[in-house]
């Protein structure tokens, strides 16, 4: 699978990365300083905030499309600071989507 240039590389930003997903789906991989990498699948209607300085990268899901609105305070905060850790090379995008989440039943 072809990955997105830039987005799929591990980076951090100088301010919070806030995105509202308008259409499509994708995966934000979050790599906290202490702890394992966590993949968060986002789709239309979702809002995600990656705290400033948090290592992360992004991959598209199978349909390979996403449209998002990026919110920021200063254009300089948009600039990614890439790492050369290579951690992003160890992960493949696996998107499950809502059809794989079992329906919740009310507790009795």
C-alpha atoms as a PDB file:
ATOM      1  CA  UNK A   1       0.000   0.000   0.000  1.00  0.00           C
ATOM      2  CA  UNK A   2       1.350   3.430  -0.948  1.00  0.00           C
ATOM      3  CA  UNK A   3       1.552   5.797   2.000  1.00  0.00           C
ATOM      4  CA  UNK A   4       1.116   9.547   2.032  1.00  0.00           C
ATOM      5  CA  UNK A   5       4.319  11.523   1.624  1.00  0.00           C
ATOM      6  CA  UNK A   6       5.018  13.517   4.770  1.00  0.00           C
ATOM      7  CA  UNK A   7       1.898  12.605   6.732  1.00  0.00           C
ATOM      8  CA  UNK A   8       3.035   9.055   7.292  1.00  0.00           C
ATOM      9  CA  UNK A   9       6.353  10.115   8.802  1.00  0.00           C
ATOM     10  CA  UNK A  10       6.645  10.430  12.564  1.00  0.00           C
ATOM     11  CA  UNK A  11       6.615  14.100  13.571  1.00  0.00           C
ATOM     12  CA  UNK A  12       5.601  16.569  16.246  1.00  0.00           C
ATOM     13  CA  UNK A  13       4.300  20.163  16.164  1.00  0.00           C
ATOM     14  CA  UNK A  14       4.913  23.243  18.314  1.00  0.00           C
ATOM     15  CA  UNK A  15       1.198  23.610  19.041  1.00  0.00           C
ATOM     16  CA  UNK A  16      -1.771  21.266  19.396  1.00  0.00           C
ATOM     17  CA  UNK A  17      -2.863  19.607  16.165  1.00  0.00           C
ATOM     18  CA  UNK A  18      -6.649  19.871  16.009  1.00  0.00           C
ATOM     19  CA  UNK A  19      -8.570  18.423  13.074  1.00  0.00           C
ATOM     20  CA  UNK A  20     -12.263  18.080  12.301  1.00  0.00           C
ATOM     21  CA  UNK A  21     -12.883  15.262   9.820  1.00  0.00           C
ATOM     22  CA  UNK A  22     -15.345  16.325   7.114  1.00  0.00           C
ATOM     23  CA  UNK A  23     -15.238  13.205   4.896  1.00  0.00           C
ATOM     24  CA  UNK A  24     -13.379   9.918   4.547  1.00  0.00           C
ATOM     25  CA  UNK A  25     -11.440   7.914   7.129  1.00  0.00           C
ATOM     26  CA  UNK A  26      -7.908   7.534   8.382  1.00  0.00           C
ATOM     27  CA  UNK A  27      -5.645   6.537  11.270  1.00  0.00           C
ATOM     28  CA  UNK A  28      -3.734   8.819  13.607  1.00  0.00           C
ATOM     29  CA  UNK A  29      -0.884   6.880  15.204  1.00  0.00           C
ATOM     30  CA  UNK A  30       0.000   8.525  18.530  1.00  0.00           C
ATOM     31  CA  UNK A  31       3.376   7.725  20.108  1.00  0.00           C
ATOM     32  CA  UNK A  32       3.520   9.051  23.688  1.00  0.00           C
ATOM     33  CA  UNK A  33       6.937   9.432  25.324  1.00  0.00           C
ATOM     34  CA  UNK A  34       6.012   6.785  27.873  1.00  0.00           C
ATOM     35  CA  UNK A  35       3.951   3.945  26.492  1.00  0.00           C
ATOM     36  CA  UNK A  36       3.029   2.095  23.320  1.00  0.00           C
ATOM     37  CA  UNK A  37       1.867   3.537  20.005  1.00  0.00           C
ATOM     38  CA  UNK A  38      -1.922   3.886  19.844  1.00  0.00           C
ATOM     39  CA  UNK A  39      -3.854   4.017  16.538  1.00  0.00           C
ATOM     40  CA  UNK A  40      -7.034   6.102  16.510  1.00  0.00           C
ATOM     41  CA  UNK A  41      -9.368   5.663  13.552  1.00  0.00           C
ATOM     42  CA  UNK A  42     -11.162   8.872  12.567  1.00  0.00           C
ATOM     43  CA  UNK A  43     -14.071   9.401  10.186  1.00  0.00           C
ATOM     44  CA  UNK A  44     -16.501  12.133   9.139  1.00  0.00           C
ATOM     45  CA  UNK A  45     -17.829  14.010  12.168  1.00  0.00           C
ATOM     46  CA  UNK A  46     -14.843  13.244  14.420  1.00  0.00           C
ATOM     47  CA  UNK A  47     -12.697  15.866  16.117  1.00  0.00           C
ATOM     48  CA  UNK A  48      -9.188  14.923  17.230  1.00  0.00           C
ATOM     49  CA  UNK A  49      -6.606  16.876  19.221  1.00  0.00           C
ATOM     50  CA  UNK A  50      -2.994  15.749  19.325  1.00  0.00           C
ATOM     51  CA  UNK A  51      -1.222  17.679  22.114  1.00  0.00           C
ATOM     52  CA  UNK A  52       1.751  19.805  21.080  1.00  0.00           C
ATOM     53  CA  UNK A  53       5.036  17.941  21.115  1.00  0.00           C
ATOM     54  CA  UNK A  54       3.358  14.503  20.841  1.00  0.00           C
ATOM     55  CA  UNK A  55       4.953  12.223  18.259  1.00  0.00           C
ATOM     56  CA  UNK A  56       2.417  11.034  15.677  1.00  0.00           C
ATOM     57  CA  UNK A  57       1.774  10.200  12.023  1.00  0.00           C
ATOM     58  CA  UNK A  58      -1.253   9.632   9.810  1.00  0.00           C
ATOM     59  CA  UNK A  59      -2.340   6.954   7.321  1.00  0.00           C
ATOM     60  CA  UNK A  60      -5.374   6.707   5.053  1.00  0.00           C
ATOM     61  CA  UNK A  61      -7.839   3.819   5.241  1.00  0.00           C
ATOM     62  CA  UNK A  62      -8.616   1.564   2.266  1.00  0.00           C
ATOM     63  CA  UNK A  63     -10.728   4.059   0.304  1.00  0.00           C
ATOM     64  CA  UNK A  64      -7.697   6.403   0.419  1.00  0.00           C
ATOM     65  CA  UNK A  65      -9.584   9.648   0.916  1.00  0.00           C
ATOM     66  CA  UNK A  66     -10.024  12.112   3.715  1.00  0.00           C
ATOM     67  CA  UNK A  67     -11.013  15.753   4.001  1.00  0.00           C
ATOM     68  CA  UNK A  68     -10.294  17.589   7.227  1.00  0.00           C
ATOM     69  CA  UNK A  69     -10.330  21.105   8.616  1.00  0.00           C
ATOM     70  CA  UNK A  70      -7.147  21.929  10.528  1.00  0.00           C
ATOM     71  CA  UNK A  71      -7.467  24.419  13.386  1.00  0.00           C
ATOM     72  CA  UNK A  72      -4.391  26.243  14.626  1.00  0.00           C
ATOM     73  CA  UNK A  73      -3.435  29.461  16.382  1.00  0.00           C
ATOM     74  CA  UNK A  74      -0.335  30.365  14.372  1.00  0.00           C
ATOM     75  CA  UNK A  75       0.759  29.142  10.926  1.00  0.00           C
ATOM     76  CA  UNK A  76       4.168  28.300  12.394  1.00  0.00           C
ATOM     77  CA  UNK A  77       2.453  25.652  14.557  1.00  0.00           C
ATOM     78  CA  UNK A  78       1.548  23.756  11.365  1.00  0.00           C
ATOM     79  CA  UNK A  79       5.221  23.062  10.556  1.00  0.00           C
ATOM     80  CA  UNK A  80       6.101  19.422  11.296  1.00  0.00           C
ATOM     81  CA  UNK A  81       9.343  18.529  13.050  1.00  0.00           C
ATOM     82  CA  UNK A  82      10.164  15.075  11.681  1.00  0.00           C
ATOM     83  CA  UNK A  83      12.036  12.460  13.670  1.00  0.00           C
ATOM     84  CA  UNK A  84      14.384   9.895  12.215  1.00  0.00           C
ATOM     85  CA  UNK A  85      13.301   7.214  14.696  1.00  0.00           C
ATOM     86  CA  UNK A  86      11.802   4.936  12.030  1.00  0.00           C
ATOM     87  CA  UNK A  87       9.028   3.890  14.440  1.00  0.00           C
ATOM     88  CA  UNK A  88       6.421   4.729  11.763  1.00  0.00           C
ATOM     89  CA  UNK A  89       7.920   2.058   9.463  1.00  0.00           C
ATOM     90  CA  UNK A  90       6.784  -0.711  11.817  1.00  0.00           C
ATOM     91  CA  UNK A  91       3.044  -0.054  11.429  1.00  0.00           C
ATOM     92  CA  UNK A  92       0.604  -0.775   8.621  1.00  0.00           C
ATOM     93  CA  UNK A  93      -2.730   1.017   8.406  1.00  0.00           C
ATOM     94  CA  UNK A  94      -5.506  -1.315   9.584  1.00  0.00           C
ATOM     95  CA  UNK A  95      -8.906   0.358   9.572  1.00  0.00           C
ATOM     96  CA  UNK A  96     -11.816  -1.562  11.034  1.00  0.00           C
ATOM     97  CA  UNK A  97     -14.629   0.958  10.684  1.00  0.00           C
ATOM     98  CA  UNK A  98     -17.912   1.019  12.572  1.00  0.00           C
ATOM     99  CA  UNK A  99     -19.202  -2.274  11.129  1.00  0.00           C
ATOM    100  CA  UNK A 100     -16.654  -4.179  13.255  1.00  0.00           C
ATOM    101  CA  UNK A 101     -17.788  -2.689  16.548  1.00  0.00           C
ATOM    102  CA  UNK A 102     -20.446  -4.939  18.103  1.00  0.00           C
ATOM    103  CA  UNK A 103     -23.727  -3.239  19.004  1.00  0.00           C
ATOM    104  CA  UNK A 104     -23.979  -2.231  22.644  1.00  0.00           C
ATOM    105  CA  UNK A 105     -26.804  -3.712  24.686  1.00  0.00           C
ATOM    106  CA  UNK A 106     -28.290  -2.112  27.748  1.00  0.00           C
ATOM    107  CA  UNK A 107     -27.110  -3.563  31.057  1.00  0.00           C
ATOM    108  CA  UNK A 108     -29.816  -5.401  32.981  1.00  0.00           C
END
